Every structure is written in structure tokens, then in C-alpha cells.
Amino acid sequence: MKRVLKEQIVNELSSEFTKEVSIFYADFKGQKVKDLEVLRKTVREAGGKARVVKNTLARIAFKNNGIDVDFEDNNIFIWGEDQITLARIITKHAKDYKDTFKIKGAVIEGEVKDVAYVEEVSKLPTKDELLGMIAFMMKAPIAKFAWGLQKLIEKKESE
């Protein structure tokens, strides 16, 4: 790879790998191309990005953002702003392809996290799910009040 292309990749990744995004990395050794394409498509649909990058270039991009992370072997980097959705996607992919796809870790808000953290994050509710829970909880007292009024009206009418 030519130096100019390497510099372009590092600059692009440096601008992408900021502390505002969540970056996951995994080993994909033995993974079929069609399976990786399914992962990439799913990540893209969730608003994230996925890319296979040489480790040296990725390390430089991380260091440009003040993040010290160490990784080896083949890595695919998956990043985006919605860490819960991305964690769910890669955790599901890792379960579906146990032998060929292994999550190695993540960089969340500039901090390096391990596989256990990624798995715990994948179990959390998403923003939309939380909003739904809050809406349901706010609606419940009003619904109970309306139900109580209805029963009171029915009781008065029957008398």
C-alpha cells in the first residue's frame, strides 16, 4: 500500500475514531465474505460503519485521538454513536458464528473495555425502548384514574 493511501486512511480513521463514538473490534479469521457482508449491512442499517484495517494504521488513528489500545491478528472495526445497538449486533453475530468471529473489546468514550463489558452493554435497553417504558409508566396512573372514574360512574348509574 502506498504511503499516500496509508496517510489518507489514517486521517479518515482519526476523524472517525473520536471519543463521541463507540468502537468495537473483533477477530474475523475464518469468516466467509458473505457472512462479513451481512454484518456490514446490518451495521450500516443501524447507522454504524464497519471496516477491516491494518492494525498499525488503526493504532495510529487511535493515538491521534489520545487513545492507547493494543490488539493483534485480524481485526474488523465497527463504530457508531449508538453503542447499545452496535453491541447487540456484534454480540449476536459472535453467537451465530462462534468459531470464526470473536469479539476482542471496545473503546467507549475513549476508554478501552473488554469483552464482558460489550456483552453487558448488549443486554441494556435501547433509547427507543427506554422512551417506550417511560411513556408506558407515565400513562399508567392516568389510565388507572380513568378506570376508577368509569367504575364510579357505573356505580352511580346502577343506584
Protein backbone atom coordinates (compact mmCIF):
# COMPACT_ATOMS: atom_id res chain seq x y z
CA MET A 1 0.00 0.00 0.00
CA LYS A 2 1.39 3.39 -0.93
CA ARG A 3 2.26 5.91 1.74
CA VAL A 4 -0.24 8.49 0.47
CA LEU A 5 -3.06 5.95 0.71
CA LYS A 6 -1.97 4.95 4.22
CA GLU A 7 -1.95 8.59 5.32
CA GLN A 8 -5.41 9.07 3.83
CA ILE A 9 -6.75 6.03 5.72
CA VAL A 10 -5.17 7.20 8.99
CA ASN A 11 -6.62 10.70 8.57
CA GLU A 12 -10.06 9.28 7.80
CA LEU A 13 -9.97 6.93 10.79
CA SER A 14 -8.61 9.63 13.09
CA SER A 15 -11.60 11.81 12.28
CA GLU A 16 -13.97 8.85 12.77
CA PHE A 17 -12.43 7.36 15.95
CA THR A 18 -13.29 10.25 18.26
CA LYS A 19 -14.41 9.93 21.87
CA GLU A 20 -18.03 10.54 20.83
CA VAL A 21 -18.30 7.22 19.00
CA SER A 22 -18.18 3.67 20.29
CA ILE A 23 -15.65 1.46 18.54
CA PHE A 24 -15.77 -2.31 18.72
CA TYR A 25 -13.14 -4.65 17.34
CA ALA A 26 -13.30 -8.36 16.68
CA ASP A 27 -11.30 -11.19 15.14
CA PHE A 28 -12.88 -12.47 11.95
CA LYS A 29 -10.35 -15.13 11.00
CA GLY A 30 -12.06 -17.89 9.02
CA GLN A 31 -15.21 -15.84 8.45
CA LYS A 32 -16.74 -16.13 4.97
CA VAL A 33 -17.02 -12.97 2.91
CA LYS A 34 -20.80 -13.31 2.60
CA ASP A 35 -21.10 -13.52 6.41
CA LEU A 36 -18.99 -10.39 6.84
CA GLU A 37 -21.14 -8.61 4.26
CA VAL A 38 -24.26 -9.49 6.27
CA LEU A 39 -22.60 -7.99 9.35
CA ARG A 40 -21.57 -4.85 7.46
CA LYS A 41 -25.07 -4.41 6.04
CA THR A 42 -26.67 -4.80 9.47
CA VAL A 43 -24.23 -2.30 10.98
CA ARG A 44 -24.88 0.17 8.15
CA GLU A 45 -28.65 -0.12 8.65
CA ALA A 46 -28.11 0.70 12.34
CA GLY A 47 -26.22 3.87 11.41
CA GLY A 48 -22.75 2.48 12.07
CA LYS A 49 -19.70 1.70 9.99
CA ALA A 50 -17.55 -1.41 9.67
CA ARG A 51 -14.11 -1.70 8.14
CA VAL A 52 -11.13 -4.04 8.08
CA VAL A 53 -7.97 -2.01 8.64
CA LYS A 54 -4.33 -2.86 9.19
CA ASN A 55 -3.52 -2.84 12.89
CA THR A 56 -0.70 -0.34 12.52
CA LEU A 57 -2.95 2.20 10.80
CA ALA A 58 -5.70 1.70 13.38
CA ARG A 59 -3.22 2.16 16.26
CA ILE A 60 -2.01 5.44 14.75
CA ALA A 61 -5.61 6.65 14.34
CA PHE A 62 -6.36 5.79 17.97
CA LYS A 63 -3.17 7.50 19.20
CA ASN A 64 -4.10 10.63 17.22
CA ASN A 65 -7.19 10.80 19.44
CA GLY A 66 -5.26 10.11 22.66
CA ILE A 67 -6.47 6.52 23.00
CA ASP A 68 -3.95 3.79 23.79
CA VAL A 69 -5.28 0.41 22.68
CA ASP A 70 -3.47 -2.79 21.78
CA PHE A 71 -4.77 -5.55 19.52
CA GLU A 72 -3.33 -8.34 17.40
CA ASP A 73 -4.24 -10.60 14.49
CA ASN A 74 -7.04 -9.81 12.02
CA ASN A 75 -9.48 -7.15 13.15
CA ILE A 76 -12.68 -5.67 11.89
CA PHE A 77 -13.58 -2.32 13.43
CA ILE A 78 -17.22 -1.43 13.93
CA TRP A 79 -18.12 2.05 15.13
CA GLY A 80 -21.00 4.43 15.55
CA GLU A 81 -22.81 6.60 18.05
CA ASP A 82 -25.37 4.05 19.29
CA GLN A 83 -23.23 1.70 21.35
CA ILE A 84 -26.10 -0.46 22.58
CA THR A 85 -27.42 -1.30 19.12
CA LEU A 86 -23.93 -1.99 17.78
CA ALA A 87 -23.09 -4.14 20.81
CA ARG A 88 -26.25 -6.14 20.19
CA ILE A 89 -25.41 -6.62 16.53
CA ILE A 90 -21.85 -7.85 17.07
CA THR A 91 -22.81 -9.98 20.09
CA LYS A 92 -25.50 -11.70 18.02
CA HIS A 93 -23.03 -12.15 15.14
CA ALA A 94 -20.48 -13.63 17.55
CA LYS A 95 -23.08 -16.11 18.85
CA ASP A 96 -24.14 -17.07 15.33
CA TYR A 97 -20.53 -17.61 14.19
CA LYS A 98 -18.79 -18.83 17.37
CA ASP A 99 -15.89 -20.48 15.56
CA THR A 100 -14.98 -17.64 13.20
CA PHE A 101 -15.96 -14.36 14.88
CA LYS A 102 -14.69 -13.37 18.32
CA ILE A 103 -15.22 -10.01 19.97
CA LYS A 104 -11.96 -8.71 21.39
CA GLY A 105 -13.03 -5.46 23.01
CA ALA A 106 -14.21 -1.91 22.53
CA VAL A 107 -13.31 1.71 23.02
CA ILE A 108 -16.21 3.52 24.66
CA GLU A 109 -15.90 7.25 25.36
CA GLY A 110 -12.14 7.00 25.00
CA GLU A 111 -11.76 4.09 27.43
CA VAL A 112 -10.71 0.58 26.44
CA LYS A 113 -13.26 -2.04 27.51
CA ASP A 114 -13.17 -5.84 27.50
CA VAL A 115 -15.48 -8.47 26.01
CA ALA A 116 -17.53 -8.80 29.22
CA TYR A 117 -18.38 -5.09 29.05
CA VAL A 118 -19.54 -5.44 25.44
CA GLU A 119 -21.80 -8.36 26.37
CA GLU A 120 -23.30 -6.42 29.30
CA VAL A 121 -23.95 -3.37 27.12
CA SER A 122 -25.73 -5.57 24.57
CA LYS A 123 -28.27 -6.53 27.26
CA LEU A 124 -29.27 -2.93 28.01
CA PRO A 125 -32.46 -1.44 26.51
CA THR A 126 -32.03 0.94 23.58
CA LYS A 127 -33.05 4.59 23.67
CA ASP A 128 -36.33 3.83 21.88
CA GLU A 129 -37.12 1.01 24.30
CA LEU A 130 -36.43 3.29 27.27
CA LEU A 131 -38.68 6.00 25.85
CA GLY A 132 -41.42 3.41 25.39
CA MET A 133 -41.04 2.29 29.02
CA ILE A 134 -41.23 5.89 30.24
CA ALA A 135 -44.33 6.59 28.11
CA PHE A 136 -45.99 3.44 29.49
CA MET A 137 -45.14 4.41 33.06
CA MET A 138 -46.50 7.93 32.56
CA LYS A 139 -49.69 6.59 31.01
CA ALA A 140 -50.40 4.03 33.76
CA PRO A 141 -51.58 6.43 36.53
CA ILE A 142 -53.85 8.31 34.12
CA ALA A 143 -55.33 5.04 32.84
CA LYS A 144 -55.96 3.84 36.40
CA PHE A 145 -57.59 7.16 37.29
CA ALA A 146 -59.84 6.96 34.21
CA TRP A 147 -60.73 3.36 35.06
CA GLY A 148 -61.63 4.42 38.61
CA LEU A 149 -63.83 7.25 37.32
CA GLN A 150 -65.56 4.85 34.94
CA LYS A 151 -66.29 2.42 37.79
CA LEU A 152 -67.62 5.29 39.91
CA ILE A 153 -69.92 6.41 37.09
CA GLU A 154 -71.16 2.85 36.60
CA LYS A 155 -71.84 2.54 40.34
CA LYS A 156 -73.79 5.83 40.44
CA GLU A 157 -75.84 4.84 37.37
CA SER A 158 -76.77 1.48 38.89
CA GLU A 159 -78.09 3.09 42.08
